[in-house]
Amino acid sequence: MDKVVISKCHCGSVELELTLPNGFENLRRCNCSICSRRNAVVASVTIDNLEVVKGETELRKYTFNTHTAKHYFCSICGTYTHHQRRSVPSEYGFNIACVEGVKIEDYLNVKYLDGRDNHPKDTGKS
């Protein structure tokens, strides 16, 4: 049975429901220009497994460069909640620290991907 978890921004205005068939998948950090600034540990989920259940009007979208990736954050508290991935546009990356019950200190050893110099969409790798 699929696991369903709730993810919230800091102020609670934005709430996501995530369906995780296999728990947290593709855990990573990234050193690209935006990810290095937010320093989040993210996991992936298919687009149809993430639903905004509260606060859609509070979400803001930020895009840059190719405008393929769409980064979402709460307009009230500023928390990054999720993004549509540039390397896999059929997936969302989501901030695992927003998931209820997650202790981010349990994920200190998650490795960085080289999104700054070796992004799959820039190098042709997948």
PDB file of N, CA and C in Angstrom:
ATOM      1  N   MET A   1       0.836  -1.183   0.000  1.00  0.00           N
ATOM      2  CA  MET A   1       0.000   0.000   0.000  1.00  0.00           C
ATOM      3  C   MET A   1       0.878   1.242   0.000  1.00  0.00           C
ATOM      4  N   ASP A   2       0.482   2.233  -0.779  1.00  0.00           N
ATOM      5  CA  ASP A   2       1.235   3.474  -0.875  1.00  0.00           C
ATOM      6  C   ASP A   2       1.163   4.249   0.434  1.00  0.00           C
ATOM      7  N   LYS A   3       2.281   4.856   0.786  1.00  0.00           N
ATOM      8  CA  LYS A   3       2.331   5.699   1.970  1.00  0.00           C
ATOM      9  C   LYS A   3       1.944   7.115   1.557  1.00  0.00           C
ATOM     10  N   VAL A   4       1.052   7.739   2.317  1.00  0.00           N
ATOM     11  CA  VAL A   4       0.651   9.122   2.071  1.00  0.00           C
ATOM     12  C   VAL A   4       1.148   9.954   3.243  1.00  0.00           C
ATOM     13  N   VAL A   5       1.877  11.042   2.932  1.00  0.00           N
ATOM     14  CA  VAL A   5       2.406  11.924   3.966  1.00  0.00           C
ATOM     15  C   VAL A   5       1.962  13.351   3.685  1.00  0.00           C
ATOM     16  N   ILE A   6       1.992  14.159   4.738  1.00  0.00           N
ATOM     17  CA  ILE A   6       1.650  15.573   4.638  1.00  0.00           C
ATOM     18  C   ILE A   6       2.938  16.379   4.740  1.00  0.00           C
ATOM     19  N   SER A   7       3.047  17.375   3.894  1.00  0.00           N
ATOM     20  CA  SER A   7       4.188  18.279   3.865  1.00  0.00           C
ATOM     21  C   SER A   7       3.649  19.698   4.016  1.00  0.00           C
ATOM     22  N   LYS A   8       4.262  20.481   4.915  1.00  0.00           N
ATOM     23  CA  LYS A   8       3.778  21.841   5.171  1.00  0.00           C
ATOM     24  C   LYS A   8       4.938  22.825   5.180  1.00  0.00           C
ATOM     25  N   CYS A   9       4.627  24.049   4.790  1.00  0.00           N
ATOM     26  CA  CYS A   9       5.602  25.124   4.938  1.00  0.00           C
ATOM     27  C   CYS A   9       5.712  25.478   6.425  1.00  0.00           C
ATOM     28  N   HIS A  10       6.600  26.391   6.767  1.00  0.00           N
ATOM     29  CA  HIS A  10       6.832  26.739   8.167  1.00  0.00           C
ATOM     30  C   HIS A  10       5.596  27.312   8.844  1.00  0.00           C
ATOM     31  N   CYS A  11       4.876  28.202   8.168  1.00  0.00           N
ATOM     32  CA  CYS A  11       3.713  28.849   8.793  1.00  0.00           C
ATOM     33  C   CYS A  11       2.443  28.017   8.684  1.00  0.00           C
ATOM     34  N   GLY A  12       2.460  26.949   7.887  1.00  0.00           N
ATOM     35  CA  GLY A  12       1.301  26.079   7.744  1.00  0.00           C
ATOM     36  C   GLY A  12       0.286  26.535   6.718  1.00  0.00           C
ATOM     37  N   SER A  13       0.586  27.607   6.000  1.00  0.00           N
ATOM     38  CA  SER A  13      -0.357  28.106   4.994  1.00  0.00           C
ATOM     39  C   SER A  13      -0.423  27.218   3.764  1.00  0.00           C
ATOM     40  N   VAL A  14       0.688  26.548   3.447  1.00  0.00           N
ATOM     41  CA  VAL A  14       0.745  25.653   2.289  1.00  0.00           C
ATOM     42  C   VAL A  14       0.878  24.223   2.796  1.00  0.00           C
ATOM     43  N   GLU A  15       0.032  23.360   2.269  1.00  0.00           N
ATOM     44  CA  GLU A  15       0.063  21.956   2.662  1.00  0.00           C
ATOM     45  C   GLU A  15      -0.028  21.082   1.416  1.00  0.00           C
ATOM     46  N   LEU A  16       0.868  20.117   1.340  1.00  0.00           N
ATOM     47  CA  LEU A  16       0.896  19.172   0.230  1.00  0.00           C
ATOM     48  C   LEU A  16       0.579  17.779   0.749  1.00  0.00           C
ATOM     49  N   GLU A  17      -0.062  16.994  -0.093  1.00  0.00           N
ATOM     50  CA  GLU A  17      -0.241  15.569   0.187  1.00  0.00           C
ATOM     51  C   GLU A  17       0.608  14.812  -0.823  1.00  0.00           C
ATOM     52  N   LEU A  18       1.507  13.991  -0.317  1.00  0.00           N
ATOM     53  CA  LEU A  18       2.430  13.239  -1.158  1.00  0.00           C
ATOM     54  C   LEU A  18       2.127  11.755  -1.043  1.00  0.00           C
ATOM     55  N   THR A  19       1.963  11.100  -2.167  1.00  0.00           N
ATOM     56  CA  THR A  19       1.814   9.650  -2.193  1.00  0.00           C
ATOM     57  C   THR A  19       3.171   9.064  -2.554  1.00  0.00           C
ATOM     58  N   LEU A  20       3.718   8.275  -1.644  1.00  0.00           N
ATOM     59  CA  LEU A  20       5.076   7.742  -1.794  1.00  0.00           C
ATOM     60  C   LEU A  20       5.027   6.220  -1.886  1.00  0.00           C
ATOM     61  N   PRO A  21       4.933   5.685  -3.098  1.00  0.00           N
ATOM     62  CA  PRO A  21       4.841   4.226  -3.261  1.00  0.00           C
ATOM     63  C   PRO A  21       6.014   3.476  -2.638  1.00  0.00           C
ATOM     64  N   ASN A  22       7.205   4.091  -2.647  1.00  0.00           N
ATOM     65  CA  ASN A  22       8.412   3.436  -2.135  1.00  0.00           C
ATOM     66  C   ASN A  22       9.140   4.286  -1.107  1.00  0.00           C
ATOM     67  N   GLY A  23       8.420   5.116  -0.379  1.00  0.00           N
ATOM     68  CA  GLY A  23       9.069   6.009   0.579  1.00  0.00           C
ATOM     69  C   GLY A  23       9.810   7.121  -0.149  1.00  0.00           C
ATOM     70  N   PHE A  24      10.793   7.720   0.520  1.00  0.00           N
ATOM     71  CA  PHE A  24      11.585   8.778  -0.112  1.00  0.00           C
ATOM     72  C   PHE A  24      12.458   8.158  -1.199  1.00  0.00           C
ATOM     73  N   GLU A  25      12.285   8.626  -2.438  1.00  0.00           N
ATOM     74  CA  GLU A  25      13.073   8.115  -3.558  1.00  0.00           C
ATOM     75  C   GLU A  25      13.993   9.198  -4.100  1.00  0.00           C
ATOM     76  N   ASN A  26      15.165   8.775  -4.539  1.00  0.00           N
ATOM     77  CA  ASN A  26      16.128   9.665  -5.182  1.00  0.00           C
ATOM     78  C   ASN A  26      16.514  10.825  -4.263  1.00  0.00           C
ATOM     79  N   LEU A  27      16.850  10.512  -3.020  1.00  0.00           N
ATOM     80  CA  LEU A  27      17.293  11.545  -2.079  1.00  0.00           C
ATOM     81  C   LEU A  27      18.562  12.200  -2.588  1.00  0.00           C
ATOM     82  N   ARG A  28      18.610  13.530  -2.485  1.00  0.00           N
ATOM     83  CA  ARG A  28      19.777  14.238  -2.991  1.00  0.00           C
ATOM     84  C   ARG A  28      19.810  15.667  -2.482  1.00  0.00           C
ATOM     85  N   ARG A  29      20.993  16.230  -2.598  1.00  0.00           N
ATOM     86  CA  ARG A  29      21.208  17.664  -2.518  1.00  0.00           C
ATOM     87  C   ARG A  29      21.797  18.038  -3.865  1.00  0.00           C
ATOM     88  N   CYS A  30      21.817  19.317  -4.155  1.00  0.00           N
ATOM     89  CA  CYS A  30      22.367  19.769  -5.431  1.00  0.00           C
ATOM     90  C   CYS A  30      23.150  21.049  -5.192  1.00  0.00           C
ATOM     91  N   ASN A  31      24.202  21.247  -5.971  1.00  0.00           N
ATOM     92  CA  ASN A  31      25.020  22.448  -5.818  1.00  0.00           C
ATOM     93  C   ASN A  31      24.780  23.472  -6.921  1.00  0.00           C
ATOM     94  N   CYS A  32      23.663  23.356  -7.654  1.00  0.00           N
ATOM     95  CA  CYS A  32      23.372  24.362  -8.685  1.00  0.00           C
ATOM     96  C   CYS A  32      23.090  25.707  -8.015  1.00  0.00           C
ATOM     97  N   SER A  33      22.926  26.733  -8.818  1.00  0.00           N
ATOM     98  CA  SER A  33      22.809  28.088  -8.278  1.00  0.00           C
ATOM     99  C   SER A  33      21.635  28.267  -7.325  1.00  0.00           C
ATOM    100  N   ILE A  34      20.509  27.647  -7.585  1.00  0.00           N
ATOM    101  CA  ILE A  34      19.359  27.828  -6.683  1.00  0.00           C
ATOM    102  C   ILE A  34      19.380  26.836  -5.524  1.00  0.00           C
ATOM    103  N   CYS A  35      19.703  25.589  -5.800  1.00  0.00           N
ATOM    104  CA  CYS A  35      19.689  24.572  -4.737  1.00  0.00           C
ATOM    105  C   CYS A  35      20.734  24.854  -3.665  1.00  0.00           C
ATOM    106  N   SER A  36      21.903  25.340  -4.055  1.00  0.00           N
ATOM    107  CA  SER A  36      22.936  25.620  -3.063  1.00  0.00           C
ATOM    108  C   SER A  36      22.503  26.729  -2.115  1.00  0.00           C
ATOM    109  N   ARG A  37      21.663  27.625  -2.576  1.00  0.00           N
ATOM    110  CA  ARG A  37      21.185  28.705  -1.721  1.00  0.00           C
ATOM    111  C   ARG A  37      20.106  28.247  -0.738  1.00  0.00           C
ATOM    112  N   ARG A  38      19.329  27.258  -1.117  1.00  0.00           N
ATOM    113  CA  ARG A  38      18.287  26.802  -0.186  1.00  0.00           C
ATOM    114  C   ARG A  38      18.739  25.594   0.636  1.00  0.00           C
ATOM    115  N   ASN A  39      19.764  24.881   0.194  1.00  0.00           N
ATOM    116  CA  ASN A  39      20.408  23.792   0.938  1.00  0.00           C
ATOM    117  C   ASN A  39      19.427  22.732   1.441  1.00  0.00           C
ATOM    118  N   ALA A  40      18.441  22.406   0.640  1.00  0.00           N
ATOM    119  CA  ALA A  40      17.438  21.418   1.042  1.00  0.00           C
ATOM    120  C   ALA A  40      17.853  20.015   0.624  1.00  0.00           C
ATOM    121  N   VAL A  41      17.403  19.044   1.394  1.00  0.00           N
ATOM    122  CA  VAL A  41      17.460  17.649   0.974  1.00  0.00           C
ATOM    123  C   VAL A  41      16.126  17.372   0.294  1.00  0.00           C
ATOM    124  N   VAL A  42      16.187  16.881  -0.935  1.00  0.00           N
ATOM    125  CA  VAL A  42      14.956  16.645  -1.685  1.00  0.00           C
ATOM    126  C   VAL A  42      14.840  15.173  -2.078  1.00  0.00           C
ATOM    127  N   ALA A  43      13.603  14.767  -2.275  1.00  0.00           N
ATOM    128  CA  ALA A  43      13.271  13.457  -2.825  1.00  0.00           C
ATOM    129  C   ALA A  43      12.358  13.708  -4.014  1.00  0.00           C
ATOM    130  N   SER A  44      12.090  12.686  -4.787  1.00  0.00           N
ATOM    131  CA  SER A  44      11.269  12.838  -5.994  1.00  0.00           C
ATOM    132  C   SER A  44       9.970  12.065  -5.888  1.00  0.00           C
ATOM    133  N   VAL A  45       8.984  12.574  -6.601  1.00  0.00           N
ATOM    134  CA  VAL A  45       7.683  11.935  -6.705  1.00  0.00           C
ATOM    135  C   VAL A  45       7.122  12.285  -8.082  1.00  0.00           C
ATOM    136  N   THR A  46       6.365  11.386  -8.678  1.00  0.00           N
ATOM    137  CA  THR A  46       5.748  11.725  -9.959  1.00  0.00           C
ATOM    138  C   THR A  46       4.731  12.841  -9.746  1.00  0.00           C
ATOM    139  N   ILE A  47       4.498  13.610 -10.797  1.00  0.00           N
ATOM    140  CA  ILE A  47       3.608  14.768 -10.685  1.00  0.00           C
ATOM    141  C   ILE A  47       2.236  14.382 -10.150  1.00  0.00           C
ATOM    142  N   ASP A  48       1.723  13.236 -10.560  1.00  0.00           N
ATOM    143  CA  ASP A  48       0.386  12.847 -10.101  1.00  0.00           C
ATOM    144  C   ASP A  48       0.359  12.364  -8.655  1.00  0.00           C
ATOM    145  N   ASN A  49       1.510  12.270  -8.004  1.00  0.00           N
ATOM    146  CA  ASN A  49       1.571  11.857  -6.602  1.00  0.00           C
ATOM    147  C   ASN A  49       1.818  13.014  -5.643  1.00  0.00           C
ATOM    148  N   LEU A  50       1.683  14.246  -6.120  1.00  0.00           N
ATOM    149  CA  LEU A  50       1.761  15.423  -5.255  1.00  0.00           C
ATOM    150  C   LEU A  50       0.521  16.265  -5.497  1.00  0.00           C
ATOM    151  N   GLU A  51      -0.172  16.580  -4.413  1.00  0.00           N
ATOM    152  CA  GLU A  51      -1.373  17.408  -4.513  1.00  0.00           C
ATOM    153  C   GLU A  51      -1.280  18.550  -3.510  1.00  0.00           C
ATOM    154  N   VAL A  52      -1.521  19.770  -3.977  1.00  0.00           N
ATOM    155  CA  VAL A  52      -1.615  20.915  -3.074  1.00  0.00           C
ATOM    156  C   VAL A  52      -3.014  20.857  -2.464  1.00  0.00           C
ATOM    157  N   VAL A  53      -3.088  20.597  -1.159  1.00  0.00           N
ATOM    158  CA  VAL A  53      -4.393  20.461  -0.508  1.00  0.00           C
ATOM    159  C   VAL A  53      -4.790  21.715   0.258  1.00  0.00           C
ATOM    160  N   LYS A  54      -3.842  22.626   0.443  1.00  0.00           N
ATOM    161  CA  LYS A  54      -4.132  23.871   1.146  1.00  0.00           C
ATOM    162  C   LYS A  54      -3.136  24.929   0.691  1.00  0.00           C
ATOM    163  N   GLY A  55      -3.618  26.138   0.474  1.00  0.00           N
ATOM    164  CA  GLY A  55      -2.742  27.274   0.249  1.00  0.00           C
ATOM    165  C   GLY A  55      -2.254  27.476  -1.165  1.00  0.00           C
ATOM    166  N   GLU A  56      -2.966  26.961  -2.143  1.00  0.00           N
ATOM    167  CA  GLU A  56      -2.517  27.149  -3.530  1.00  0.00           C
ATOM    168  C   GLU A  56      -2.348  28.633  -3.866  1.00  0.00           C
ATOM    169  N   THR A  57      -3.197  29.484  -3.298  1.00  0.00           N
ATOM    170  CA  THR A  57      -3.090  30.928  -3.572  1.00  0.00           C
ATOM    171  C   THR A  57      -1.889  31.551  -2.872  1.00  0.00           C
ATOM    172  N   GLU A  58      -1.346  30.879  -1.852  1.00  0.00           N
ATOM    173  CA  GLU A  58      -0.152  31.389  -1.166  1.00  0.00           C
ATOM    174  C   GLU A  58       1.140  30.929  -1.840  1.00  0.00           C
ATOM    175  N   LEU A  59       1.058  29.922  -2.696  1.00  0.00           N
ATOM    176  CA  LEU A  59       2.260  29.443  -3.388  1.00  0.00           C
ATOM    177  C   LEU A  59       2.706  30.448  -4.436  1.00  0.00           C
ATOM    178  N   ARG A  60       3.996  30.637  -4.529  1.00  0.00           N
ATOM    179  CA  ARG A  60       4.583  31.451  -5.586  1.00  0.00           C
ATOM    180  C   ARG A  60       5.530  30.569  -6.381  1.00  0.00           C
ATOM    181  N   LYS A  61       5.640  30.897  -7.661  1.00  0.00           N
ATOM    182  CA  LYS A  61       6.487  30.117  -8.570  1.00  0.00           C
ATOM    183  C   LYS A  61       7.642  30.994  -9.027  1.00  0.00           C
ATOM    184  N   TYR A  62       8.827  30.396  -9.061  1.00  0.00           N
ATOM    185  CA  TYR A  62      10.015  31.078  -9.555  1.00  0.00           C
ATOM    186  C   TYR A  62      10.646  30.215 -10.641  1.00  0.00           C
ATOM    187  N   THR A  63      10.942  30.818 -11.783  1.00  0.00           N
ATOM    188  CA  THR A  63      11.653  30.125 -12.858  1.00  0.00           C
ATOM    189  C   THR A  63      12.823  30.986 -13.305  1.00  0.00           C
ATOM    190  N   PHE A  64      13.786  30.368 -13.942  1.00  0.00           N
ATOM    191  CA  PHE A  64      14.928  31.096 -14.493  1.00  0.00           C
ATOM    192  C   PHE A  64      15.557  30.238 -15.580  1.00  0.00           C
ATOM    193  N   ASN A  65      16.547  30.772 -16.260  1.00  0.00           N
ATOM    194  CA  ASN A  65      17.306  30.062 -17.288  1.00  0.00           C
ATOM    195  C   ASN A  65      16.363  29.471 -18.338  1.00  0.00           C
ATOM    196  N   THR A  66      16.191  28.157 -18.392  1.00  0.00           N
ATOM    197  CA  THR A  66      15.346  27.537 -19.425  1.00  0.00           C
ATOM    198  C   THR A  66      13.855  27.610 -19.090  1.00  0.00           C
ATOM    199  N   HIS A  67      13.520  27.959 -17.870  1.00  0.00           N
ATOM    200  CA  HIS A  67      12.135  28.033 -17.372  1.00  0.00           C
ATOM    201  C   HIS A  67      11.431  26.677 -17.381  1.00  0.00           C
ATOM    202  N   THR A  68      12.198  25.605 -17.467  1.00  0.00           N
ATOM    203  CA  THR A  68      11.626  24.261 -17.387  1.00  0.00           C
ATOM    204  C   THR A  68      11.318  23.910 -15.941  1.00  0.00           C
ATOM    205  N   ALA A  69      12.286  24.119 -15.069  1.00  0.00           N
ATOM    206  CA  ALA A  69      12.066  23.872 -13.638  1.00  0.00           C
ATOM    207  C   ALA A  69      11.196  24.988 -13.079  1.00  0.00           C
ATOM    208  N   LYS A  70      10.247  24.596 -12.262  1.00  0.00           N
ATOM    209  CA  LYS A  70       9.355  25.555 -11.617  1.00  0.00           C
ATOM    210  C   LYS A  70       9.495  25.349 -10.114  1.00  0.00           C
ATOM    211  N   HIS A  71      10.020  26.362  -9.436  1.00  0.00           N
ATOM    212  CA  HIS A  71      10.306  26.288  -8.006  1.00  0.00           C
ATOM    213  C   HIS A  71       9.186  26.969  -7.237  1.00  0.00           C
ATOM    214  N   TYR A  72       8.621  26.272  -6.238  1.00  0.00           N
ATOM    215  CA  TYR A  72       7.479  26.784  -5.489  1.00  0.00           C
ATOM    216  C   TYR A  72       7.862  27.051  -4.038  1.00  0.00           C
ATOM    217  N   PHE A  73       7.344  28.163  -3.515  1.00  0.00           N
ATOM    218  CA  PHE A  73       7.600  28.536  -2.135  1.00  0.00           C
ATOM    219  C   PHE A  73       6.390  29.269  -1.575  1.00  0.00           C
ATOM    220  N   CYS A  74       6.272  29.281  -0.255  1.00  0.00           N
ATOM    221  CA  CYS A  74       5.174  29.966   0.416  1.00  0.00           C
ATOM    222  C   CYS A  74       5.435  31.468   0.393  1.00  0.00           C
ATOM    223  N   SER A  75       4.452  32.233  -0.041  1.00  0.00           N
ATOM    224  CA  SER A  75       4.608  33.687  -0.113  1.00  0.00           C
ATOM    225  C   SER A  75       4.554  34.341   1.262  1.00  0.00           C
ATOM    226  N   ILE A  76       4.124  33.619   2.268  1.00  0.00           N
ATOM    227  CA  ILE A  76       4.028  34.187   3.615  1.00  0.00           C
ATOM    228  C   ILE A  76       5.318  33.961   4.400  1.00  0.00           C
ATOM    229  N   CYS A  77       5.775  32.702   4.494  1.00  0.00           N
ATOM    230  CA  CYS A  77       6.970  32.413   5.299  1.00  0.00           C
ATOM    231  C   CYS A  77       8.230  32.193   4.468  1.00  0.00           C
ATOM    232  N   GLY A  78       8.083  32.028   3.152  1.00  0.00           N
ATOM    233  CA  GLY A  78       9.237  31.879   2.274  1.00  0.00           C
ATOM    234  C   GLY A  78       9.779  30.470   2.131  1.00  0.00           C
ATOM    235  N   THR A  79       9.162  29.491   2.761  1.00  0.00           N
ATOM    236  CA  THR A  79       9.664  28.120   2.714  1.00  0.00           C
ATOM    237  C   THR A  79       9.547  27.525   1.314  1.00  0.00           C
ATOM    238  N   TYR A  80      10.665  26.981   0.825  1.00  0.00           N
ATOM    239  CA  TYR A  80      10.657  26.210  -0.422  1.00  0.00           C
ATOM    240  C   TYR A  80       9.977  24.878  -0.128  1.00  0.00           C
ATOM    241  N   THR A  81       8.924  24.560  -0.886  1.00  0.00           N
ATOM    242  CA  THR A  81       8.191  23.314  -0.664  1.00  0.00           C
ATOM    243  C   THR A  81       8.501  22.252  -1.711  1.00  0.00           C
ATOM    244  N   HIS A  82       8.551  22.656  -2.990  1.00  0.00           N
ATOM    245  CA  HIS A  82       8.751  21.672  -4.052  1.00  0.00           C
ATOM    246  C   HIS A  82       9.105  22.377  -5.357  1.00  0.00           C
ATOM    247  N   HIS A  83       9.505  21.579  -6.332  1.00  0.00           N
ATOM    248  CA  HIS A  83       9.786  22.122  -7.665  1.00  0.00           C
ATOM    249  C   HIS A  83       9.536  21.053  -8.724  1.00  0.00           C
ATOM    250  N   GLN A  84       9.106  21.512  -9.883  1.00  0.00           N
ATOM    251  CA  GLN A  84       9.025  20.610 -11.036  1.00  0.00           C
ATOM    252  C   GLN A  84      10.434  20.517 -11.584  1.00  0.00           C
ATOM    253  N   ARG A  85      10.927  19.313 -11.733  1.00  0.00           N
ATOM    254  CA  ARG A  85      12.336  19.096 -12.057  1.00  0.00           C
ATOM    255  C   ARG A  85      12.666  19.439 -13.508  1.00  0.00           C
ATOM    256  N   ARG A  86      13.799  20.053 -13.697  1.00  0.00           N
ATOM    257  CA  ARG A  86      14.296  20.342 -15.040  1.00  0.00           C
ATOM    258  C   ARG A  86      14.794  19.067 -15.711  1.00  0.00           C
ATOM    259  N   SER A  87      15.481  18.223 -14.956  1.00  0.00           N
ATOM    260  CA  SER A  87      16.051  17.007 -15.542  1.00  0.00           C
ATOM    261  C   SER A  87      14.989  15.948 -15.821  1.00  0.00           C
ATOM    262  N   VAL A  88      13.913  15.956 -15.035  1.00  0.00           N
ATOM    263  CA  VAL A  88      12.811  15.006 -15.234  1.00  0.00           C
ATOM    264  C   VAL A  88      11.506  15.786 -15.014  1.00  0.00           C
ATOM    265  N   PRO A  89      11.017  16.497 -16.034  1.00  0.00           N
ATOM    266  CA  PRO A  89       9.839  17.358 -15.854  1.00  0.00           C
ATOM    267  C   PRO A  89       8.557  16.626 -15.452  1.00  0.00           C
ATOM    268  N   SER A  90       8.537  15.311 -15.555  1.00  0.00           N
ATOM    269  CA  SER A  90       7.361  14.543 -15.126  1.00  0.00           C
ATOM    270  C   SER A  90       7.383  14.257 -13.623  1.00  0.00           C
ATOM    271  N   GLU A  91       8.373  14.809 -12.923  1.00  0.00           N
ATOM    272  CA  GLU A  91       8.501  14.614 -11.480  1.00  0.00           C
ATOM    273  C   GLU A  91       8.603  15.947 -10.755  1.00  0.00           C
ATOM    274  N   TYR A  92       8.193  15.905  -9.489  1.00  0.00           N
ATOM    275  CA  TYR A  92       8.465  16.996  -8.563  1.00  0.00           C
ATOM    276  C   TYR A  92       9.577  16.549  -7.634  1.00  0.00           C
ATOM    277  N   GLY A  93      10.458  17.473  -7.309  1.00  0.00           N
ATOM    278  CA  GLY A  93      11.347  17.305  -6.178  1.00  0.00           C
ATOM    279  C   GLY A  93      10.668  17.999  -5.013  1.00  0.00           C
ATOM    280  N   PHE A  94      10.740  17.428  -3.825  1.00  0.00           N
ATOM    281  CA  PHE A  94      10.111  18.087  -2.676  1.00  0.00           C
ATOM    282  C   PHE A  94      11.072  18.120  -1.497  1.00  0.00           C
ATOM    283  N   ASN A  95      10.917  19.150  -0.691  1.00  0.00           N
ATOM    284  CA  ASN A  95      11.755  19.401   0.469  1.00  0.00           C
ATOM    285  C   ASN A  95      11.335  18.446   1.587  1.00  0.00           C
ATOM    286  N   ILE A  96      12.180  17.461   1.895  1.00  0.00           N
ATOM    287  CA  ILE A  96      11.779  16.468   2.889  1.00  0.00           C
ATOM    288  C   ILE A  96      11.658  17.073   4.285  1.00  0.00           C
ATOM    289  N   ALA A  97      12.305  18.207   4.546  1.00  0.00           N
ATOM    290  CA  ALA A  97      12.207  18.844   5.858  1.00  0.00           C
ATOM    291  C   ALA A  97      10.803  19.370   6.134  1.00  0.00           C
ATOM    292  N   CYS A  98       9.993  19.522   5.098  1.00  0.00           N
ATOM    293  CA  CYS A  98       8.606  19.977   5.273  1.00  0.00           C
ATOM    294  C   CYS A  98       7.659  18.834   5.622  1.00  0.00           C
ATOM    295  N   VAL A  99       8.112  17.601   5.477  1.00  0.00           N
ATOM    296  CA  VAL A  99       7.259  16.440   5.749  1.00  0.00           C
ATOM    297  C   VAL A  99       7.155  16.244   7.259  1.00  0.00           C
ATOM    298  N   GLU A 100       5.923  16.134   7.726  1.00  0.00           N
ATOM    299  CA  GLU A 100       5.686  15.963   9.161  1.00  0.00           C
ATOM    300  C   GLU A 100       6.434  14.744   9.690  1.00  0.00           C
ATOM    301  N   GLY A 101       7.131  14.937  10.803  1.00  0.00           N
ATOM    302  CA  GLY A 101       7.830  13.842  11.467  1.00  0.00           C
ATOM    303  C   GLY A 101       9.260  13.618  11.012  1.00  0.00           C
ATOM    304  N   VAL A 102       9.700  14.289   9.946  1.00  0.00           N
ATOM    305  CA  VAL A 102      11.073  14.110   9.467  1.00  0.00           C
ATOM    306  C   VAL A 102      12.036  14.871  10.373  1.00  0.00           C
ATOM    307  N   LYS A 103      13.110  14.194  10.763  1.00  0.00           N
ATOM    308  CA  LYS A 103      14.203  14.835  11.494  1.00  0.00           C
ATOM    309  C   LYS A 103      15.324  15.033  10.485  1.00  0.00           C
ATOM    310  N   ILE A 104      15.524  16.266  10.074  1.00  0.00           N
ATOM    311  CA  ILE A 104      16.484  16.548   9.000  1.00  0.00           C
ATOM    312  C   ILE A 104      17.896  16.100   9.374  1.00  0.00           C
ATOM    313  N   GLU A 105      18.200  16.054  10.674  1.00  0.00           N
ATOM    314  CA  GLU A 105      19.534  15.615  11.093  1.00  0.00           C
ATOM    315  C   GLU A 105      19.784  14.144  10.758  1.00  0.00           C
ATOM    316  N   ASP A 106      18.729  13.396  10.482  1.00  0.00           N
ATOM    317  CA  ASP A 106      18.894  12.001  10.057  1.00  0.00           C
ATOM    318  C   ASP A 106      19.367  11.888   8.609  1.00  0.00           C
ATOM    319  N   TYR A 107      19.439  13.013   7.915  1.00  0.00           N
ATOM    320  CA  TYR A 107      19.771  13.014   6.487  1.00  0.00           C
ATOM    321  C   TYR A 107      21.020  13.842   6.187  1.00  0.00           C
ATOM    322  N   LEU A 108      21.912  13.962   7.153  1.00  0.00           N
ATOM    323  CA  LEU A 108      23.122  14.770   6.976  1.00  0.00           C
ATOM    324  C   LEU A 108      24.061  14.202   5.926  1.00  0.00           C
ATOM    325  N   ASN A 109      24.029  12.906   5.697  1.00  0.00           N
ATOM    326  CA  ASN A 109      24.979  12.269   4.780  1.00  0.00           C
ATOM    327  C   ASN A 109      24.467  12.136   3.355  1.00  0.00           C
ATOM    328  N   VAL A 110      23.364  12.795   3.029  1.00  0.00           N
ATOM    329  CA  VAL A 110      22.856  12.747   1.656  1.00  0.00           C
ATOM    330  C   VAL A 110      23.848  13.470   0.753  1.00  0.00           C
ATOM    331  N   LYS A 111      24.248  12.812  -0.307  1.00  0.00           N
ATOM    332  CA  LYS A 111      25.279  13.342  -1.203  1.00  0.00           C
ATOM    333  C   LYS A 111      24.753  14.452  -2.106  1.00  0.00           C
ATOM    334  N   TYR A 112      25.682  15.301  -2.501  1.00  0.00           N
ATOM    335  CA  TYR A 112      25.395  16.371  -3.451  1.00  0.00           C
ATOM    336  C   TYR A 112      25.547  15.868  -4.879  1.00  0.00           C
ATOM    337  N   LEU A 113      24.644  16.296  -5.736  1.00  0.00           N
ATOM    338  CA  LEU A 113      24.792  16.113  -7.179  1.00  0.00           C
ATOM    339  C   LEU A 113      25.456  17.363  -7.723  1.00  0.00           C
ATOM    340  N   ASP A 114      26.211  17.219  -8.782  1.00  0.00           N
ATOM    341  CA  ASP A 114      26.874  18.375  -9.380  1.00  0.00           C
ATOM    342  C   ASP A 114      25.961  19.021 -10.420  1.00  0.00           C
ATOM    343  N   GLY A 115      24.992  19.773  -9.950  1.00  0.00           N
ATOM    344  CA  GLY A 115      24.078  20.479 -10.840  1.00  0.00           C
ATOM    345  C   GLY A 115      24.664  21.757 -11.399  1.00  0.00           C
ATOM    346  N   ARG A 116      25.722  22.252 -10.778  1.00  0.00           N
ATOM    347  CA  ARG A 116      26.362  23.481 -11.238  1.00  0.00           C
ATOM    348  C   ARG A 116      27.152  23.237 -12.525  1.00  0.00           C
ATOM    349  N   ASP A 117      27.970  22.194 -12.549  1.00  0.00           N
ATOM    350  CA  ASP A 117      28.860  21.960 -13.687  1.00  0.00           C
ATOM    351  C   ASP A 117      28.503  20.731 -14.512  1.00  0.00           C
ATOM    352  N   ASN A 118      27.542  19.928 -14.049  1.00  0.00           N
ATOM    353  CA  ASN A 118      27.291  18.643 -14.697  1.00  0.00           C
ATOM    354  C   ASN A 118      25.805  18.292 -14.682  1.00  0.00           C
ATOM    355  N   HIS A 119      24.939  19.277 -14.934  1.00  0.00           N
ATOM    356  CA  HIS A 119      23.496  19.014 -14.933  1.00  0.00           C
ATOM    357  C   HIS A 119      23.147  18.128 -16.127  1.00  0.00           C
ATOM    358  N   PRO A 120      22.320  17.094 -15.922  1.00  0.00           N
ATOM    359  CA  PRO A 120      21.991  16.165 -17.024  1.00  0.00           C
ATOM    360  C   PRO A 120      21.448  16.855 -18.272  1.00  0.00           C
ATOM    361  N   LYS A 121      20.678  17.913 -18.112  1.00  0.00           N
ATOM    362  CA  LYS A 121      20.109  18.593 -19.281  1.00  0.00           C
ATOM    363  C   LYS A 121      21.164  19.409 -20.032  1.00  0.00           C
ATOM    364  N   ASP A 122      22.281  19.712 -19.371  1.00  0.00           N
ATOM    365  CA  ASP A 122      23.356  20.452 -20.028  1.00  0.00           C
ATOM    366  C   ASP A 122      24.378  19.529 -20.672  1.00  0.00           C
ATOM    367  N   THR A 123      24.496  18.308 -20.148  1.00  0.00           N
ATOM    368  CA  THR A 123      25.531  17.390 -20.618  1.00  0.00           C
ATOM    369  C   THR A 123      24.993  16.276 -21.500  1.00  0.00           C
ATOM    370  N   GLY A 124      23.664  16.127 -21.562  1.00  0.00           N
ATOM    371  CA  GLY A 124      23.065  15.045 -22.334  1.00  0.00           C
ATOM    372  C   GLY A 124      22.956  13.745 -21.568  1.00  0.00           C
ATOM    373  N   LYS A 125      23.422  13.729 -20.300  1.00  0.00           N
ATOM    374  CA  LYS A 125      23.305  12.534 -19.455  1.00  0.00           C
ATOM    375  C   LYS A 125      21.915  12.519 -18.839  1.00  0.00           C
ATOM    376  N   SER A 126      21.488  11.358 -18.387  1.00  0.00           N
ATOM    377  CA  SER A 126      20.203  11.298 -17.666  1.00  0.00           C
ATOM    378  C   SER A 126      20.350  10.532 -16.389  1.00  0.00           C
TER     379      SER A 126
END
